[in-house]
Amino acid sequence: DIHRQLSQTVKLLRLPVNTVTADHRTVHSALLTGLLSHIGQKDSEKTEFTGAHSARFAIFPASQLFKKPPKWIMVAQLLETSRLWGRIAARIEPEWIEPLAPHLVKYHYSDPHWEKSQGAVMANEKVTLFGLPIVASRKINYGAIDPPLCRELFIRHGLVEGQWQTRHVFFHANLQLLAEVEAMEHKSRRRDILVDDETLFTFYEQRIGADVVSARHFDS
């Protein structure tokens, strides 16, 4: 009946009909767009699944997936009897979900830190859908998320502490000068010649534009 209705709609809209058999991902991604609240992640220690808004359900015993449940599933129906059952289940992959639900997923960030090799502030990103983590942790560039913090960390770690891989002449000249002053302090047994890190930070902060949040921004 669904196939007949879709065929009539396609004909009415004069859309071309696909003549190539669709693969598993294509068909199930299409279905997933309407079943985003009916996904579940298998509990590692139990046969239950955790679904949207922390709901817990099990695959209906008549399903072919009942004996060997996959890590992620979507179900066409959630039926509550003695417990909550998921009926008409299909295996899915979590990476399918985010592109289909950009208006529903939420992003959470943690551990922003400067990375010398990247010349930028990186952070861990967690993506959730209805409270269910579909991306547990992935590294992202934090520059567009919190520009003021990234600018501060770039100056503090990249410039003041010298954690920057660059060919800029001024940068290496300044590092050399700092080394010479430190050697002078050591030789004269004094600790009041070299300025502290906060003074160096203020020096750079006053000279670098507000839009410079990484080495790439500085270079451009």
Protein backbone atom coordinates (compact mmCIF):
# COMPACT_ATOMS: atom_id res chain seq x y z
CA ASP A 1 0.00 0.00 0.00
CA ILE A 2 2.85 2.39 0.85
CA HIS A 3 4.59 1.50 -2.41
CA ARG A 4 1.40 2.19 -4.36
CA GLN A 5 0.90 5.58 -2.67
CA LEU A 6 4.51 6.59 -3.31
CA SER A 7 4.27 5.48 -6.94
CA GLN A 8 1.14 7.58 -7.45
CA THR A 9 2.78 10.60 -5.82
CA VAL A 10 5.91 10.27 -7.94
CA LYS A 11 3.79 9.99 -11.08
CA LEU A 12 1.70 13.00 -10.08
CA LEU A 13 4.83 15.12 -9.48
CA ARG A 14 6.37 13.81 -12.74
CA LEU A 15 9.52 12.69 -10.97
CA PRO A 16 11.80 10.19 -12.70
CA VAL A 17 11.62 6.67 -11.31
CA ASN A 18 14.92 5.09 -10.29
CA THR A 19 15.78 1.98 -12.27
CA VAL A 20 18.78 0.95 -10.16
CA THR A 21 18.21 -1.21 -7.12
CA ALA A 22 18.87 0.80 -3.95
CA ASP A 23 21.38 -0.56 -1.45
CA HIS A 24 20.80 -1.19 2.24
CA ARG A 25 22.06 2.20 3.37
CA THR A 26 20.02 4.21 0.86
CA VAL A 27 16.73 2.52 1.75
CA HIS A 28 17.27 2.60 5.48
CA SER A 29 18.55 6.18 5.51
CA ALA A 30 15.34 7.21 3.75
CA LEU A 31 13.29 5.41 6.38
CA LEU A 32 15.45 6.80 9.17
CA THR A 33 14.46 10.39 8.34
CA GLY A 34 11.00 9.61 9.71
CA LEU A 35 12.14 7.37 12.56
CA LEU A 36 14.75 9.51 14.28
CA SER A 37 12.95 9.20 17.61
CA HIS A 38 12.85 5.41 17.22
CA ILE A 39 16.57 4.66 17.23
CA GLY A 40 18.40 2.72 19.89
CA GLN A 41 21.91 1.88 21.04
CA LYS A 42 22.51 -1.56 22.54
CA ASP A 43 23.54 -1.77 26.16
CA SER A 44 26.90 -3.53 26.26
CA GLU A 45 25.92 -5.72 29.21
CA LYS A 46 22.25 -6.36 28.45
CA THR A 47 19.95 -7.16 25.54
CA GLU A 48 18.12 -3.86 25.96
CA PHE A 49 18.55 -0.71 23.90
CA THR A 50 18.73 2.87 25.10
CA GLY A 51 16.56 5.11 22.96
CA ALA A 52 15.44 8.72 22.75
CA HIS A 53 14.98 10.55 26.05
CA SER A 54 16.61 7.62 27.93
CA ALA A 55 13.80 5.20 27.02
CA ARG A 56 14.76 1.54 27.24
CA PHE A 57 13.33 -1.11 24.95
CA ALA A 58 14.07 -4.59 23.64
CA ILE A 59 13.76 -6.06 20.14
CA PHE A 60 10.50 -7.94 19.70
CA PRO A 61 11.18 -11.72 19.88
CA ALA A 62 9.70 -12.35 16.40
CA SER A 63 12.36 -10.13 14.79
CA GLN A 64 15.23 -11.70 12.87
CA LEU A 65 17.54 -9.42 14.88
CA PHE A 66 16.34 -10.73 18.24
CA LYS A 67 19.02 -13.42 18.68
CA LYS A 68 21.91 -11.33 17.35
CA PRO A 69 21.04 -7.69 18.01
CA PRO A 70 23.29 -5.10 16.32
CA LYS A 71 24.91 -2.16 18.10
CA TRP A 72 22.47 0.38 16.61
CA ILE A 73 18.92 -0.13 15.35
CA MET A 74 15.82 1.76 14.32
CA VAL A 75 12.33 0.37 14.88
CA ALA A 76 9.11 1.24 13.09
CA GLN A 77 7.02 0.82 16.22
CA LEU A 78 7.45 0.99 19.99
CA LEU A 79 4.87 -1.20 21.72
CA GLU A 80 4.45 -1.29 25.48
CA THR A 81 3.05 -4.44 27.11
CA SER A 82 4.84 -6.02 30.04
CA ARG A 83 7.85 -4.07 28.80
CA LEU A 84 8.67 -1.72 25.92
CA TRP A 85 9.24 -3.60 22.67
CA GLY A 86 10.70 -2.36 19.39
CA ARG A 87 8.97 -3.92 16.39
CA ILE A 88 10.05 -4.04 12.72
CA ALA A 89 13.71 -3.42 13.47
CA ALA A 90 16.61 -2.70 11.14
CA ARG A 91 20.33 -2.30 11.66
CA ILE A 92 21.71 1.21 11.17
CA GLU A 93 25.05 2.93 11.60
CA PRO A 94 25.33 5.97 13.92
CA GLU A 95 27.16 8.04 11.29
CA TRP A 96 23.99 8.01 9.17
CA ILE A 97 22.06 9.97 11.78
CA GLU A 98 23.78 13.36 12.03
CA PRO A 99 23.43 14.38 8.33
CA LEU A 100 19.71 13.55 8.49
CA ALA A 101 19.01 15.52 11.67
CA PRO A 102 21.00 18.78 11.65
CA HIS A 103 17.98 20.60 13.12
CA LEU A 104 17.64 18.13 16.01
CA VAL A 105 21.14 17.19 17.13
CA LYS A 106 22.93 19.05 19.90
CA TYR A 107 26.66 19.65 20.17
CA HIS A 108 28.64 19.59 23.40
CA TYR A 109 32.29 20.65 23.71
CA SER A 110 35.00 19.86 26.23
CA ASP A 111 38.74 20.16 26.80
CA PRO A 112 39.68 23.07 24.51
CA HIS A 113 43.48 23.07 24.25
CA TRP A 114 46.27 24.43 22.09
CA GLU A 115 47.93 21.98 19.68
CA LYS A 116 51.30 22.99 18.33
CA SER A 117 51.12 20.66 15.35
CA GLN A 118 47.76 22.07 14.27
CA GLY A 119 48.58 25.67 15.09
CA ALA A 120 45.09 25.97 16.53
CA VAL A 121 42.91 25.31 19.54
CA MET A 122 41.29 21.88 19.33
CA ALA A 123 38.49 20.42 21.43
CA ASN A 124 36.42 17.29 21.86
CA GLU A 125 32.92 17.36 20.37
CA LYS A 126 30.04 15.15 21.47
CA VAL A 127 26.86 14.94 19.39
CA THR A 128 23.53 13.87 20.89
CA LEU A 129 20.04 13.27 19.49
CA PHE A 130 17.23 13.37 22.04
CA GLY A 131 19.85 12.76 24.73
CA LEU A 132 21.37 9.74 22.93
CA PRO A 133 25.08 10.15 22.08
CA ILE A 134 25.46 9.40 18.37
CA VAL A 135 29.05 10.71 18.31
CA ALA A 136 30.82 9.99 21.58
CA SER A 137 33.93 12.08 20.95
CA ARG A 138 35.69 13.60 17.96
CA LYS A 139 38.40 16.22 17.65
CA ILE A 140 37.40 19.54 16.07
CA ASN A 141 38.90 22.97 15.49
CA TYR A 142 37.46 25.18 18.24
CA GLY A 143 38.09 28.48 16.46
CA ALA A 144 34.54 29.03 15.24
CA ILE A 145 33.01 27.94 18.57
CA ASP A 146 34.77 30.32 20.97
CA PRO A 147 36.97 32.83 19.09
CA PRO A 148 37.96 34.94 22.16
CA LEU A 149 39.22 31.89 24.06
CA CYS A 150 41.06 30.57 21.00
CA ARG A 151 42.75 33.94 20.49
CA GLU A 152 43.87 33.97 24.11
CA LEU A 153 45.26 30.43 23.94
CA PHE A 154 47.00 31.16 20.63
CA ILE A 155 48.78 34.15 22.15
CA ARG A 156 49.53 32.48 25.46
CA HIS A 157 50.75 29.11 24.19
CA GLY A 158 51.79 29.85 20.61
CA LEU A 159 53.53 33.20 21.07
CA VAL A 160 54.38 33.60 24.74
CA GLU A 161 55.38 29.99 25.38
CA GLY A 162 56.79 29.48 21.88
CA GLN A 163 54.64 26.46 21.01
CA TRP A 164 54.30 27.30 17.33
CA GLN A 165 55.82 25.80 14.20
CA THR A 166 56.37 28.83 11.97
CA ARG A 167 58.98 30.50 9.81
CA HIS A 168 58.12 34.08 10.81
CA VAL A 169 61.39 35.90 11.46
CA PHE A 170 60.04 38.01 14.34
CA PHE A 171 58.95 34.88 16.23
CA HIS A 172 62.36 33.23 16.18
CA ALA A 173 64.11 36.54 16.87
CA ASN A 174 61.96 37.05 19.95
CA LEU A 175 62.62 33.51 21.18
CA GLN A 176 66.35 34.05 20.72
CA LEU A 177 66.18 37.33 22.64
CA LEU A 178 64.32 35.64 25.50
CA ALA A 179 66.95 32.91 25.61
CA GLU A 180 69.72 35.51 25.74
CA VAL A 181 68.04 37.35 28.60
CA GLU A 182 67.54 34.11 30.51
CA ALA A 183 71.22 33.32 30.05
CA MET A 184 72.09 36.82 31.26
CA GLU A 185 69.95 36.29 34.37
CA HIS A 186 71.61 32.96 35.06
CA LYS A 187 75.08 34.43 34.61
CA SER A 188 74.39 37.43 36.83
CA ARG A 189 72.33 35.36 39.28
CA ARG A 190 69.41 37.75 38.94
CA ARG A 191 65.72 37.08 38.29
CA ASP A 192 64.45 40.60 37.58
CA ILE A 193 65.62 41.21 34.00
CA LEU A 194 63.22 39.07 31.96
CA VAL A 195 59.61 40.22 31.99
CA ASP A 196 56.96 37.74 33.12
CA ASP A 197 54.55 35.88 30.85
CA GLU A 198 51.66 38.23 31.55
CA THR A 199 53.69 41.20 30.30
CA LEU A 200 54.56 39.27 27.13
CA PHE A 201 50.91 38.30 26.72
CA THR A 202 49.82 41.95 26.98
CA PHE A 203 52.50 42.94 24.46
CA TYR A 204 51.15 40.54 21.83
CA GLU A 205 47.51 41.04 22.77
CA GLN A 206 47.76 44.76 22.03
CA ARG A 207 49.22 44.12 18.57
CA ILE A 208 47.19 41.21 17.25
CA GLY A 209 43.75 41.68 15.71
CA ALA A 210 40.63 40.36 17.40
CA ASP A 211 39.96 38.00 14.48
CA VAL A 212 43.28 36.14 14.84
CA VAL A 213 42.39 32.89 16.59
CA SER A 214 44.97 30.49 15.11
CA ALA A 215 48.25 30.30 13.23
CA ARG A 216 46.38 30.19 9.93
CA HIS A 217 44.52 33.41 10.78
CA PHE A 218 47.78 35.08 11.78
CA ASP A 219 49.44 34.07 8.52
CA SER A 220 46.60 35.43 6.40
